[in-house]
């Protein structure tokens, strides 16, 4: 019989998730912080690219922050470590690798879209 996650385990993950939340909050810009400064025509394309990359990174970090906040809510609600797809316990090893996950590996794998080049055949 598999052991259930203990209160001590939850406290460990709660602390780790709180630290991750604080790290992400420090990385995310204050609204309006990424405003482009006026640059010459020669500098516009690189500056626009840098702004695009920064905004994409901010979006990724904001998405991860949302996942971390949801994991903290699951801890508070007593559902942390339970797969939202199949209802089984998420293995501690997976939670240690991705503590904000809401899914076991199997459910996460089936939810992911196929790789962009997965259906391309190299045979003639």
PDB file of N, CA and C in Angstrom:
ATOM      1  N   UNK A   1       0.845  -1.183   0.000  1.00  0.00           N
ATOM      2  CA  UNK A   1       0.000   0.000   0.000  1.00  0.00           C
ATOM      3  C   UNK A   1       0.890   1.247   0.000  1.00  0.00           C
ATOM      4  N   UNK A   2       0.572   2.197  -0.845  1.00  0.00           N
ATOM      5  CA  UNK A   2       1.373   3.406  -0.939  1.00  0.00           C
ATOM      6  C   UNK A   2       1.045   4.335   0.216  1.00  0.00           C
ATOM      7  N   UNK A   3       2.085   4.963   0.760  1.00  0.00           N
ATOM      8  CA  UNK A   3       1.901   5.926   1.829  1.00  0.00           C
ATOM      9  C   UNK A   3       1.334   7.216   1.275  1.00  0.00           C
ATOM     10  N   UNK A   4       0.406   7.808   2.001  1.00  0.00           N
ATOM     11  CA  UNK A   4      -0.134   9.104   1.611  1.00  0.00           C
ATOM     12  C   UNK A   4       0.892  10.191   1.912  1.00  0.00           C
ATOM     13  N   UNK A   5       0.752  11.322   1.254  1.00  0.00           N
ATOM     14  CA  UNK A   5       1.633  12.450   1.546  1.00  0.00           C
ATOM     15  C   UNK A   5       1.353  12.908   2.979  1.00  0.00           C
ATOM     16  N   UNK A   6       2.391  13.168   3.737  1.00  0.00           N
ATOM     17  CA  UNK A   6       2.244  13.555   5.130  1.00  0.00           C
ATOM     18  C   UNK A   6       2.107  15.072   5.279  1.00  0.00           C
ATOM     19  N   UNK A   7       1.675  15.483   6.462  1.00  0.00           N
ATOM     20  CA  UNK A   7       1.593  16.914   6.769  1.00  0.00           C
ATOM     21  C   UNK A   7       2.971  17.560   6.625  1.00  0.00           C
ATOM     22  N   UNK A   8       4.009  16.834   7.017  1.00  0.00           N
ATOM     23  CA  UNK A   8       5.378  17.335   6.912  1.00  0.00           C
ATOM     24  C   UNK A   8       5.758  17.566   5.445  1.00  0.00           C
ATOM     25  N   UNK A   9       5.326  16.646   4.588  1.00  0.00           N
ATOM     26  CA  UNK A   9       5.577  16.794   3.146  1.00  0.00           C
ATOM     27  C   UNK A   9       4.881  18.042   2.620  1.00  0.00           C
ATOM     28  N   UNK A  10       3.621  18.229   3.025  1.00  0.00           N
ATOM     29  CA  UNK A  10       2.884  19.415   2.568  1.00  0.00           C
ATOM     30  C   UNK A  10       3.572  20.693   3.022  1.00  0.00           C
ATOM     31  N   UNK A  11       4.062  20.711   4.245  1.00  0.00           N
ATOM     32  CA  UNK A  11       4.733  21.904   4.754  1.00  0.00           C
ATOM     33  C   UNK A  11       6.002  22.173   3.949  1.00  0.00           C
ATOM     34  N   UNK A  12       6.736  21.132   3.605  1.00  0.00           N
ATOM     35  CA  UNK A  12       7.934  21.278   2.771  1.00  0.00           C
ATOM     36  C   UNK A  12       7.561  21.912   1.428  1.00  0.00           C
ATOM     37  N   UNK A  13       6.517  21.403   0.787  1.00  0.00           N
ATOM     38  CA  UNK A  13       6.108  21.935  -0.521  1.00  0.00           C
ATOM     39  C   UNK A  13       5.504  23.331  -0.387  1.00  0.00           C
ATOM     40  N   UNK A  14       4.791  23.592   0.712  1.00  0.00           N
ATOM     41  CA  UNK A  14       4.216  24.921   0.907  1.00  0.00           C
ATOM     42  C   UNK A  14       5.332  25.963   0.983  1.00  0.00           C
ATOM     43  N   UNK A  15       6.401  25.632   1.733  1.00  0.00           N
ATOM     44  CA  UNK A  15       7.541  26.560   1.831  1.00  0.00           C
ATOM     45  C   UNK A  15       8.223  26.744   0.479  1.00  0.00           C
ATOM     46  N   UNK A  16       8.430  25.652  -0.234  1.00  0.00           N
ATOM     47  CA  UNK A  16       9.086  25.729  -1.552  1.00  0.00           C
ATOM     48  C   UNK A  16       8.240  26.547  -2.531  1.00  0.00           C
ATOM     49  N   UNK A  17       6.928  26.347  -2.513  1.00  0.00           N
ATOM     50  CA  UNK A  17       6.044  27.091  -3.408  1.00  0.00           C
ATOM     51  C   UNK A  17       5.991  28.571  -3.027  1.00  0.00           C
ATOM     52  N   UNK A  18       5.985  28.876  -1.739  1.00  0.00           N
ATOM     53  CA  UNK A  18       5.986  30.274  -1.299  1.00  0.00           C
ATOM     54  C   UNK A  18       7.279  30.965  -1.747  1.00  0.00           C
ATOM     55  N   UNK A  19       8.405  30.267  -1.663  1.00  0.00           N
ATOM     56  CA  UNK A  19       9.678  30.832  -2.119  1.00  0.00           C
ATOM     57  C   UNK A  19       9.659  31.061  -3.626  1.00  0.00           C
ATOM     58  N   UNK A  20       9.088  30.112  -4.365  1.00  0.00           N
ATOM     59  CA  UNK A  20       8.988  30.265  -5.824  1.00  0.00           C
ATOM     60  C   UNK A  20       8.075  31.429  -6.175  1.00  0.00           C
ATOM     61  N   UNK A  21       6.974  31.575  -5.455  1.00  0.00           N
ATOM     62  CA  UNK A  21       6.051  32.699  -5.691  1.00  0.00           C
ATOM     63  C   UNK A  21       6.800  34.015  -5.478  1.00  0.00           C
ATOM     64  N   UNK A  22       7.562  34.119  -4.400  1.00  0.00           N
ATOM     65  CA  UNK A  22       8.309  35.351  -4.135  1.00  0.00           C
ATOM     66  C   UNK A  22       9.344  35.622  -5.216  1.00  0.00           C
ATOM     67  N   UNK A  23      10.016  34.571  -5.696  1.00  0.00           N
ATOM     68  CA  UNK A  23      11.009  34.731  -6.764  1.00  0.00           C
ATOM     69  C   UNK A  23      10.345  35.262  -8.036  1.00  0.00           C
ATOM     70  N   UNK A  24       9.203  34.681  -8.388  1.00  0.00           N
ATOM     71  CA  UNK A  24       8.503  35.110  -9.593  1.00  0.00           C
ATOM     72  C   UNK A  24       7.970  36.533  -9.461  1.00  0.00           C
ATOM     73  N   UNK A  25       7.476  36.886  -8.286  1.00  0.00           N
ATOM     74  CA  UNK A  25       6.977  38.248  -8.078  1.00  0.00           C
ATOM     75  C   UNK A  25       8.093  39.272  -8.243  1.00  0.00           C
ATOM     76  N   UNK A  26       9.303  38.902  -7.844  1.00  0.00           N
ATOM     77  CA  UNK A  26      10.441  39.814  -8.024  1.00  0.00           C
ATOM     78  C   UNK A  26      10.824  39.955  -9.498  1.00  0.00           C
ATOM     79  N   UNK A  27      10.626  38.893 -10.280  1.00  0.00           N
ATOM     80  CA  UNK A  27      10.993  38.924 -11.697  1.00  0.00           C
ATOM     81  C   UNK A  27       9.985  39.669 -12.557  1.00  0.00           C
ATOM     82  N   UNK A  28       8.724  39.587 -12.171  1.00  0.00           N
ATOM     83  CA  UNK A  28       7.687  40.206 -12.994  1.00  0.00           C
ATOM     84  C   UNK A  28       7.760  41.721 -12.888  1.00  0.00           C
ATOM     85  N   UNK A  29       7.584  42.397 -14.013  1.00  0.00           N
ATOM     86  CA  UNK A  29       7.699  43.855 -14.007  1.00  0.00           C
ATOM     87  C   UNK A  29       6.475  44.513 -13.382  1.00  0.00           C
ATOM     88  N   UNK A  30       6.699  45.704 -12.925  1.00  0.00           N
ATOM     89  CA  UNK A  30       5.599  46.548 -12.502  1.00  0.00           C
ATOM     90  C   UNK A  30       4.875  46.939 -13.789  1.00  0.00           C
ATOM     91  N   UNK A  31       3.527  46.991 -13.793  1.00  0.00           N
ATOM     92  CA  UNK A  31       2.823  47.370 -15.028  1.00  0.00           C
ATOM     93  C   UNK A  31       3.388  48.656 -15.625  1.00  0.00           C
ATOM     94  N   UNK A  32       3.649  48.606 -16.923  1.00  0.00           N
ATOM     95  CA  UNK A  32       4.203  49.754 -17.633  1.00  0.00           C
ATOM     96  C   UNK A  32       5.715  49.849 -17.598  1.00  0.00           C
ATOM     97  N   UNK A  33       6.380  48.932 -16.903  1.00  0.00           N
ATOM     98  CA  UNK A  33       7.835  48.982 -16.771  1.00  0.00           C
ATOM     99  C   UNK A  33       8.539  48.710 -18.095  1.00  0.00           C
ATOM    100  N   UNK A  34       7.939  47.896 -18.947  1.00  0.00           N
ATOM    101  CA  UNK A  34       8.581  47.529 -20.207  1.00  0.00           C
ATOM    102  C   UNK A  34       8.212  48.483 -21.340  1.00  0.00           C
ATOM    103  N   UNK A  35       8.072  49.745 -21.061  1.00  0.00           N
ATOM    104  CA  UNK A  35       7.768  50.688 -22.121  1.00  0.00           C
ATOM    105  C   UNK A  35       9.028  50.956 -22.919  1.00  0.00           C
ATOM    106  N   UNK A  36       8.858  50.926 -24.240  1.00  0.00           N
ATOM    107  CA  UNK A  36      10.017  51.150 -25.105  1.00  0.00           C
ATOM    108  C   UNK A  36      10.414  52.617 -25.066  1.00  0.00           C
ATOM    109  N   UNK A  37      11.696  52.834 -24.976  1.00  0.00           N
ATOM    110  CA  UNK A  37      12.194  54.199 -25.039  1.00  0.00           C
ATOM    111  C   UNK A  37      12.334  54.603 -26.501  1.00  0.00           C
ATOM    112  N   UNK A  38      12.369  55.869 -26.739  1.00  0.00           N
ATOM    113  CA  UNK A  38      12.510  56.370 -28.109  1.00  0.00           C
ATOM    114  C   UNK A  38      13.940  56.111 -28.565  1.00  0.00           C
ATOM    115  N   UNK A  39      14.052  55.438 -29.714  1.00  0.00           N
ATOM    116  CA  UNK A  39      15.364  55.098 -30.259  1.00  0.00           C
ATOM    117  C   UNK A  39      15.410  55.497 -31.723  1.00  0.00           C
ATOM    118  N   UNK A  40      16.602  55.512 -32.279  1.00  0.00           N
ATOM    119  CA  UNK A  40      16.758  55.851 -33.687  1.00  0.00           C
ATOM    120  C   UNK A  40      16.212  54.718 -34.555  1.00  0.00           C
ATOM    121  N   UNK A  41      16.033  54.987 -35.812  1.00  0.00           N
ATOM    122  CA  UNK A  41      15.520  53.984 -36.751  1.00  0.00           C
ATOM    123  C   UNK A  41      16.444  52.770 -36.802  1.00  0.00           C
ATOM    124  N   UNK A  42      17.755  52.983 -36.673  1.00  0.00           N
ATOM    125  CA  UNK A  42      18.714  51.880 -36.708  1.00  0.00           C
ATOM    126  C   UNK A  42      18.569  50.951 -35.501  1.00  0.00           C
ATOM    127  N   UNK A  43      18.129  51.508 -34.399  1.00  0.00           N
ATOM    128  CA  UNK A  43      18.011  50.724 -33.171  1.00  0.00           C
ATOM    129  C   UNK A  43      16.610  50.168 -32.951  1.00  0.00           C
ATOM    130  N   UNK A  44      15.642  50.564 -33.784  1.00  0.00           N
ATOM    131  CA  UNK A  44      14.255  50.186 -33.539  1.00  0.00           C
ATOM    132  C   UNK A  44      14.039  48.676 -33.589  1.00  0.00           C
ATOM    133  N   UNK A  45      14.519  47.997 -34.612  1.00  0.00           N
ATOM    134  CA  UNK A  45      14.273  46.552 -34.743  1.00  0.00           C
ATOM    135  C   UNK A  45      14.851  45.764 -33.572  1.00  0.00           C
ATOM    136  N   UNK A  46      16.124  45.974 -33.209  1.00  0.00           N
ATOM    137  CA  UNK A  46      16.632  45.241 -32.047  1.00  0.00           C
ATOM    138  C   UNK A  46      15.870  45.582 -30.757  1.00  0.00           C
ATOM    139  N   UNK A  47      15.499  46.848 -30.593  1.00  0.00           N
ATOM    140  CA  UNK A  47      14.757  47.247 -29.393  1.00  0.00           C
ATOM    141  C   UNK A  47      13.373  46.598 -29.376  1.00  0.00           C
ATOM    142  N   UNK A  48      12.721  46.541 -30.534  1.00  0.00           N
ATOM    143  CA  UNK A  48      11.401  45.909 -30.623  1.00  0.00           C
ATOM    144  C   UNK A  48      11.513  44.412 -30.328  1.00  0.00           C
ATOM    145  N   UNK A  49      12.567  43.791 -30.837  1.00  0.00           N
ATOM    146  CA  UNK A  49      12.784  42.365 -30.561  1.00  0.00           C
ATOM    147  C   UNK A  49      13.000  42.133 -29.072  1.00  0.00           C
ATOM    148  N   UNK A  50      13.832  42.958 -28.452  1.00  0.00           N
ATOM    149  CA  UNK A  50      14.092  42.826 -27.012  1.00  0.00           C
ATOM    150  C   UNK A  50      12.790  42.988 -26.219  1.00  0.00           C
ATOM    151  N   UNK A  51      11.972  43.935 -26.627  1.00  0.00           N
ATOM    152  CA  UNK A  51      10.680  44.156 -25.948  1.00  0.00           C
ATOM    153  C   UNK A  51       9.769  42.947 -26.119  1.00  0.00           C
ATOM    154  N   UNK A  52       9.753  42.377 -27.312  1.00  0.00           N
ATOM    155  CA  UNK A  52       8.938  41.184 -27.564  1.00  0.00           C
ATOM    156  C   UNK A  52       9.397  40.024 -26.690  1.00  0.00           C
ATOM    157  N   UNK A  53      10.696  39.780 -26.645  1.00  0.00           N
ATOM    158  CA  UNK A  53      11.236  38.693 -25.827  1.00  0.00           C
ATOM    159  C   UNK A  53      10.901  38.924 -24.360  1.00  0.00           C
ATOM    160  N   UNK A  54      11.077  40.137 -23.880  1.00  0.00           N
ATOM    161  CA  UNK A  54      10.775  40.447 -22.478  1.00  0.00           C
ATOM    162  C   UNK A  54       9.303  40.213 -22.167  1.00  0.00           C
ATOM    163  N   UNK A  55       8.426  40.589 -23.082  1.00  0.00           N
ATOM    164  CA  UNK A  55       6.989  40.401 -22.825  1.00  0.00           C
ATOM    165  C   UNK A  55       6.620  38.925 -22.841  1.00  0.00           C
ATOM    166  N   UNK A  56       7.251  38.131 -23.699  1.00  0.00           N
ATOM    167  CA  UNK A  56       6.996  36.681 -23.728  1.00  0.00           C
ATOM    168  C   UNK A  56       7.486  36.023 -22.439  1.00  0.00           C
ATOM    169  N   UNK A  57       8.660  36.426 -21.974  1.00  0.00           N
ATOM    170  CA  UNK A  57       9.173  35.893 -20.709  1.00  0.00           C
ATOM    171  C   UNK A  57       8.258  36.277 -19.551  1.00  0.00           C
ATOM    172  N   UNK A  58       7.772  37.509 -19.566  1.00  0.00           N
ATOM    173  CA  UNK A  58       6.840  37.945 -18.519  1.00  0.00           C
ATOM    174  C   UNK A  58       5.575  37.094 -18.539  1.00  0.00           C
ATOM    175  N   UNK A  59       5.083  36.770 -19.728  1.00  0.00           N
ATOM    176  CA  UNK A  59       3.879  35.946 -19.841  1.00  0.00           C
ATOM    177  C   UNK A  59       4.128  34.543 -19.293  1.00  0.00           C
ATOM    178  N   UNK A  60       5.287  33.977 -19.598  1.00  0.00           N
ATOM    179  CA  UNK A  60       5.627  32.651 -19.066  1.00  0.00           C
ATOM    180  C   UNK A  60       5.727  32.683 -17.550  1.00  0.00           C
ATOM    181  N   UNK A  61       6.388  33.703 -17.021  1.00  0.00           N
ATOM    182  CA  UNK A  61       6.526  33.823 -15.570  1.00  0.00           C
ATOM    183  C   UNK A  61       5.179  34.061 -14.903  1.00  0.00           C
ATOM    184  N   UNK A  62       4.309  34.843 -15.539  1.00  0.00           N
ATOM    185  CA  UNK A  62       2.975  35.082 -14.987  1.00  0.00           C
ATOM    186  C   UNK A  62       2.164  33.784 -14.978  1.00  0.00           C
ATOM    187  N   UNK A  63       2.313  32.970 -16.017  1.00  0.00           N
ATOM    188  CA  UNK A  63       1.629  31.675 -16.059  1.00  0.00           C
ATOM    189  C   UNK A  63       2.136  30.748 -14.969  1.00  0.00           C
ATOM    190  N   UNK A  64       3.445  30.738 -14.755  1.00  0.00           N
ATOM    191  CA  UNK A  64       4.001  29.899 -13.699  1.00  0.00           C
ATOM    192  C   UNK A  64       3.563  30.416 -12.334  1.00  0.00           C
ATOM    193  N   UNK A  65       3.498  31.730 -12.163  1.00  0.00           N
ATOM    194  CA  UNK A  65       3.028  32.302 -10.900  1.00  0.00           C
ATOM    195  C   UNK A  65       1.592  31.853 -10.631  1.00  0.00           C
ATOM    196  N   UNK A  66       0.758  31.851 -11.660  1.00  0.00           N
ATOM    197  CA  UNK A  66      -0.627  31.373 -11.509  1.00  0.00           C
ATOM    198  C   UNK A  66      -0.641  29.911 -11.062  1.00  0.00           C
ATOM    199  N   UNK A  67       0.205  29.085 -11.676  1.00  0.00           N
ATOM    200  CA  UNK A  67       0.277  27.669 -11.298  1.00  0.00           C
ATOM    201  C   UNK A  67       0.730  27.498  -9.842  1.00  0.00           C
ATOM    202  N   UNK A  68       1.699  28.311  -9.423  1.00  0.00           N
ATOM    203  CA  UNK A  68       2.196  28.244  -8.047  1.00  0.00           C
ATOM    204  C   UNK A  68       1.093  28.650  -7.080  1.00  0.00           C
ATOM    205  N   UNK A  69       0.380  29.733  -7.392  1.00  0.00           N
ATOM    206  CA  UNK A  69      -0.720  30.186  -6.529  1.00  0.00           C
ATOM    207  C   UNK A  69      -1.803  29.108  -6.418  1.00  0.00           C
ATOM    208  N   UNK A  70      -2.115  28.455  -7.530  1.00  0.00           N
ATOM    209  CA  UNK A  70      -3.117  27.387  -7.512  1.00  0.00           C
ATOM    210  C   UNK A  70      -2.644  26.206  -6.666  1.00  0.00           C
ATOM    211  N   UNK A  71      -1.352  25.882  -6.723  1.00  0.00           N
ATOM    212  CA  UNK A  71      -0.811  24.790  -5.904  1.00  0.00           C
ATOM    213  C   UNK A  71      -0.916  25.135  -4.421  1.00  0.00           C
ATOM    214  N   UNK A  72      -0.635  26.388  -4.082  1.00  0.00           N
ATOM    215  CA  UNK A  72      -0.777  26.813  -2.688  1.00  0.00           C
ATOM    216  C   UNK A  72      -2.241  26.705  -2.243  1.00  0.00           C
ATOM    217  N   UNK A  73      -3.169  27.018  -3.140  1.00  0.00           N
ATOM    218  CA  UNK A  73      -4.592  26.871  -2.817  1.00  0.00           C
ATOM    219  C   UNK A  73      -4.959  25.400  -2.626  1.00  0.00           C
ATOM    220  N   UNK A  74      -4.355  24.507  -3.419  1.00  0.00           N
ATOM    221  CA  UNK A  74      -4.630  23.080  -3.252  1.00  0.00           C
ATOM    222  C   UNK A  74      -4.098  22.575  -1.913  1.00  0.00           C
ATOM    223  N   UNK A  75      -2.950  23.102  -1.481  1.00  0.00           N
ATOM    224  CA  UNK A  75      -2.431  22.726  -0.161  1.00  0.00           C
ATOM    225  C   UNK A  75      -3.433  23.159   0.907  1.00  0.00           C
ATOM    226  N   UNK A  76      -3.881  24.409   0.824  1.00  0.00           N
ATOM    227  CA  UNK A  76      -4.833  24.929   1.809  1.00  0.00           C
ATOM    228  C   UNK A  76      -6.152  24.150   1.779  1.00  0.00           C
ATOM    229  N   UNK A  77      -6.548  23.708   0.587  1.00  0.00           N
ATOM    230  CA  UNK A  77      -7.809  22.986   0.433  1.00  0.00           C
ATOM    231  C   UNK A  77      -7.713  21.490   0.657  1.00  0.00           C
ATOM    232  N   UNK A  78      -6.498  20.990   0.870  1.00  0.00           N
ATOM    233  CA  UNK A  78      -6.324  19.564   1.131  1.00  0.00           C
ATOM    234  C   UNK A  78      -6.313  18.675  -0.095  1.00  0.00           C
ATOM    235  N   UNK A  79      -6.155  19.266  -1.287  1.00  0.00           N
ATOM    236  CA  UNK A  79      -6.137  18.450  -2.513  1.00  0.00           C
ATOM    237  C   UNK A  79      -4.771  18.440  -3.188  1.00  0.00           C
ATOM    238  N   UNK A  80      -3.768  19.034  -2.538  1.00  0.00           N
ATOM    239  CA  UNK A  80      -2.421  19.051  -3.117  1.00  0.00           C
ATOM    240  C   UNK A  80      -1.913  17.615  -3.222  1.00  0.00           C
ATOM    241  N   UNK A  81      -1.289  17.304  -4.351  1.00  0.00           N
ATOM    242  CA  UNK A  81      -0.730  15.968  -4.546  1.00  0.00           C
ATOM    243  C   UNK A  81      -1.714  14.981  -5.124  1.00  0.00           C
ATOM    244  N   UNK A  82      -2.921  15.452  -5.449  1.00  0.00           N
ATOM    245  CA  UNK A  82      -3.933  14.601  -6.072  1.00  0.00           C
ATOM    246  C   UNK A  82      -4.102  15.081  -7.509  1.00  0.00           C
ATOM    247  N   UNK A  83      -3.948  14.180  -8.464  1.00  0.00           N
ATOM    248  CA  UNK A  83      -4.052  14.525  -9.880  1.00  0.00           C
ATOM    249  C   UNK A  83      -5.461  15.027 -10.196  1.00  0.00           C
ATOM    250  N   UNK A  84      -5.545  16.167 -10.846  1.00  0.00           N
ATOM    251  CA  UNK A  84      -6.834  16.727 -11.228  1.00  0.00           C
ATOM    252  C   UNK A  84      -7.411  16.035 -12.458  1.00  0.00           C
ATOM    253  N   UNK A  85      -6.619  15.180 -13.080  1.00  0.00           N
ATOM    254  CA  UNK A  85      -7.108  14.438 -14.234  1.00  0.00           C
ATOM    255  C   UNK A  85      -7.737  13.114 -13.855  1.00  0.00           C
ATOM    256  N   UNK A  86      -7.009  12.313 -13.081  1.00  0.00           N
ATOM    257  CA  UNK A  86      -7.475  10.956 -12.774  1.00  0.00           C
ATOM    258  C   UNK A  86      -7.807  10.743 -11.298  1.00  0.00           C
ATOM    259  N   UNK A  87      -7.434  11.678 -10.432  1.00  0.00           N
ATOM    260  CA  UNK A  87      -7.745  11.562  -9.015  1.00  0.00           C
ATOM    261  C   UNK A  87      -6.768  10.722  -8.210  1.00  0.00           C
ATOM    262  N   UNK A  88      -5.739  10.199  -8.871  1.00  0.00           N
ATOM    263  CA  UNK A  88      -4.733   9.412  -8.149  1.00  0.00           C
ATOM    264  C   UNK A  88      -3.699  10.342  -7.524  1.00  0.00           C
ATOM    265  N   UNK A  89      -2.956   9.779  -6.586  1.00  0.00           N
ATOM    266  CA  UNK A  89      -1.894  10.525  -5.914  1.00  0.00           C
ATOM    267  C   UNK A  89      -0.755  10.783  -6.897  1.00  0.00           C
ATOM    268  N   UNK A  90      -0.265  12.019  -6.918  1.00  0.00           N
ATOM    269  CA  UNK A  90       0.886  12.371  -7.748  1.00  0.00           C
ATOM    270  C   UNK A  90       2.133  11.923  -6.987  1.00  0.00           C
ATOM    271  N   UNK A  91       3.018  11.156  -7.630  1.00  0.00           N
ATOM    272  CA  UNK A  91       4.223  10.682  -6.935  1.00  0.00           C
ATOM    273  C   UNK A  91       5.075  11.837  -6.397  1.00  0.00           C
ATOM    274  N   UNK A  92       5.641  11.611  -5.227  1.00  0.00           N
ATOM    275  CA  UNK A  92       6.482  12.626  -4.583  1.00  0.00           C
ATOM    276  C   UNK A  92       7.629  13.056  -5.499  1.00  0.00           C
ATOM    277  N   UNK A  93       8.178  12.131  -6.252  1.00  0.00           N
ATOM    278  CA  UNK A  93       9.288  12.460  -7.159  1.00  0.00           C
ATOM    279  C   UNK A  93       8.858  13.522  -8.175  1.00  0.00           C
ATOM    280  N   UNK A  94       7.648  13.390  -8.696  1.00  0.00           N
ATOM    281  CA  UNK A  94       7.137  14.386  -9.646  1.00  0.00           C
ATOM    282  C   UNK A  94       6.890  15.716  -8.942  1.00  0.00           C
ATOM    283  N   UNK A  95       6.304  15.666  -7.750  1.00  0.00           N
ATOM    284  CA  UNK A  95       6.057  16.898  -7.002  1.00  0.00           C
ATOM    285  C   UNK A  95       7.374  17.590  -6.645  1.00  0.00           C
ATOM    286  N   UNK A  96       8.404  16.812  -6.382  1.00  0.00           N
ATOM    287  CA  UNK A  96       9.707  17.408  -6.075  1.00  0.00           C
ATOM    288  C   UNK A  96      10.282  18.120  -7.295  1.00  0.00           C
ATOM    289  N   UNK A  97      10.043  17.571  -8.473  1.00  0.00           N
ATOM    290  CA  UNK A  97      10.553  18.172  -9.711  1.00  0.00           C
ATOM    291  C   UNK A  97       9.719  19.382 -10.132  1.00  0.00           C
ATOM    292  N   UNK A  98       8.398  19.272  -9.992  1.00  0.00           N
ATOM    293  CA  UNK A  98       7.477  20.325 -10.432  1.00  0.00           C
ATOM    294  C   UNK A  98       6.396  20.480  -9.355  1.00  0.00           C
ATOM    295  N   UNK A  99       6.714  21.169  -8.257  1.00  0.00           N
ATOM    296  CA  UNK A  99       5.770  21.207  -7.136  1.00  0.00           C
ATOM    297  C   UNK A  99       4.439  21.893  -7.448  1.00  0.00           C
ATOM    298  N   UNK A 100       4.359  22.691  -8.501  1.00  0.00           N
ATOM    299  CA  UNK A 100       3.111  23.360  -8.841  1.00  0.00           C
ATOM    300  C   UNK A 100       2.245  22.524  -9.781  1.00  0.00           C
ATOM    301  N   UNK A 101       2.681  21.311 -10.114  1.00  0.00           N
ATOM    302  CA  UNK A 101       1.900  20.493 -11.038  1.00  0.00           C
ATOM    303  C   UNK A 101       0.547  20.111 -10.435  1.00  0.00           C
ATOM    304  N   UNK A 102      -0.439  20.012 -11.299  1.00  0.00           N
ATOM    305  CA  UNK A 102      -1.773  19.580 -10.879  1.00  0.00           C
ATOM    306  C   UNK A 102      -2.085  18.201 -11.440  1.00  0.00           C
ATOM    307  N   UNK A 103      -1.147  17.629 -12.196  1.00  0.00           N
ATOM    308  CA  UNK A 103      -1.406  16.371 -12.887  1.00  0.00           C
ATOM    309  C   UNK A 103      -0.271  15.376 -12.695  1.00  0.00           C
ATOM    310  N   UNK A 104      -0.620  14.104 -12.673  1.00  0.00           N
ATOM    311  CA  UNK A 104       0.393  13.055 -12.697  1.00  0.00           C
ATOM    312  C   UNK A 104       1.036  13.061 -14.084  1.00  0.00           C
ATOM    313  N   UNK A 105       2.125  12.347 -14.235  1.00  0.00           N
ATOM    314  CA  UNK A 105       2.847  12.351 -15.506  1.00  0.00           C
ATOM    315  C   UNK A 105       1.969  11.846 -16.653  1.00  0.00           C
ATOM    316  N   UNK A 106       1.205  10.776 -16.400  1.00  0.00           N
ATOM    317  CA  UNK A 106       0.372  10.186 -17.457  1.00  0.00           C
ATOM    318  C   UNK A 106      -0.676  11.181 -17.951  1.00  0.00           C
ATOM    319  N   UNK A 107      -1.378  11.825 -17.022  1.00  0.00           N
ATOM    320  CA  UNK A 107      -2.411  12.790 -17.430  1.00  0.00           C
ATOM    321  C   UNK A 107      -1.796  14.009 -18.099  1.00  0.00           C
ATOM    322  N   UNK A 108      -0.659  14.485 -17.614  1.00  0.00           N
ATOM    323  CA  UNK A 108       0.012  15.622 -18.230  1.00  0.00           C
ATOM    324  C   UNK A 108       0.462  15.272 -19.647  1.00  0.00           C
ATOM    325  N   UNK A 109       0.962  14.056 -19.832  1.00  0.00           N
ATOM    326  CA  UNK A 109       1.437  13.628 -21.150  1.00  0.00           C
ATOM    327  C   UNK A 109       0.302  13.564 -22.159  1.00  0.00           C
ATOM    328  N   UNK A 110      -0.859  13.117 -21.743  1.00  0.00           N
ATOM    329  CA  UNK A 110      -1.980  13.018 -22.678  1.00  0.00           C
ATOM    330  C   UNK A 110      -2.597  14.383 -22.955  1.00  0.00           C
ATOM    331  N   UNK A 111      -2.388  15.347 -22.054  1.00  0.00           N
ATOM    332  CA  UNK A 111      -2.947  16.686 -22.245  1.00  0.00           C
ATOM    333  C   UNK A 111      -2.092  17.548 -23.155  1.00  0.00           C
ATOM    334  N   UNK A 112      -0.810  17.188 -23.324  1.00  0.00           N
ATOM    335  CA  UNK A 112       0.092  17.991 -24.144  1.00  0.00           C
ATOM    336  C   UNK A 112      -0.181  17.781 -25.627  1.00  0.00           C
ATOM    337  N   UNK A 113      -0.130  18.846 -26.414  1.00  0.00           N
ATOM    338  CA  UNK A 113      -0.267  18.676 -27.862  1.00  0.00           C
ATOM    339  C   UNK A 113       0.968  17.975 -28.416  1.00  0.00           C
ATOM    340  N   UNK A 114       0.835  17.305 -29.563  1.00  0.00           N
ATOM    341  CA  UNK A 114       2.017  16.634 -30.142  1.00  0.00           C
ATOM    342  C   UNK A 114       3.077  17.665 -30.530  1.00  0.00           C
ATOM    343  N   UNK A 115       4.306  17.248 -30.538  1.00  0.00           N
ATOM    344  CA  UNK A 115       5.412  18.101 -30.956  1.00  0.00           C
ATOM    345  C   UNK A 115       5.153  18.577 -32.385  1.00  0.00           C
ATOM    346  N   UNK A 116       5.568  19.799 -32.722  1.00  0.00           N
ATOM    347  CA  UNK A 116       5.274  20.359 -34.045  1.00  0.00           C
ATOM    348  C   UNK A 116       5.699  19.479 -35.215  1.00  0.00           C
ATOM    349  N   UNK A 117       6.819  18.773 -35.116  1.00  0.00           N
ATOM    350  CA  UNK A 117       7.325  17.967 -36.220  1.00  0.00           C
ATOM    351  C   UNK A 117       7.090  16.479 -36.001  1.00  0.00           C
ATOM    352  N   UNK A 118       6.226  16.123 -35.048  1.00  0.00           N
ATOM    353  CA  UNK A 118       6.045  14.715 -34.692  1.00  0.00           C
ATOM    354  C   UNK A 118       5.473  13.875 -35.839  1.00  0.00           C
ATOM    355  N   UNK A 119       4.690  14.476 -36.724  1.00  0.00           N
ATOM    356  CA  UNK A 119       4.056  13.694 -37.776  1.00  0.00           C
ATOM    357  C   UNK A 119       4.821  13.740 -39.102  1.00  0.00           C
ATOM    358  N   UNK A 120       5.941  14.390 -39.149  1.00  0.00           N
ATOM    359  CA  UNK A 120       6.708  14.485 -40.386  1.00  0.00           C
ATOM    360  C   UNK A 120       7.521  13.218 -40.581  1.00  0.00           C
ATOM    361  N   UNK A 121       7.377  12.636 -41.732  1.00  0.00           N
ATOM    362  CA  UNK A 121       8.123  11.421 -42.054  1.00  0.00           C
ATOM    363  C   UNK A 121       9.321  11.821 -42.902  1.00  0.00           C
ATOM    364  N   UNK A 122      10.474  11.272 -42.574  1.00  0.00           N
ATOM    365  CA  UNK A 122      11.685  11.570 -43.339  1.00  0.00           C
ATOM    366  C   UNK A 122      11.914  10.579 -44.482  1.00  0.00           C
ATOM    367  N   UNK A 123      11.094   9.532 -44.549  1.00  0.00           N
ATOM    368  CA  UNK A 123      11.257   8.561 -45.622  1.00  0.00           C
ATOM    369  C   UNK A 123      10.620   9.101 -46.909  1.00  0.00           C
ATOM    370  N   UNK A 124      11.159   8.693 -48.046  1.00  0.00           N
ATOM    371  CA  UNK A 124      10.676   9.200 -49.333  1.00  0.00           C
ATOM    372  C   UNK A 124       9.473   8.502 -49.826  1.00  0.00           C
TER     373      UNK A 124
END
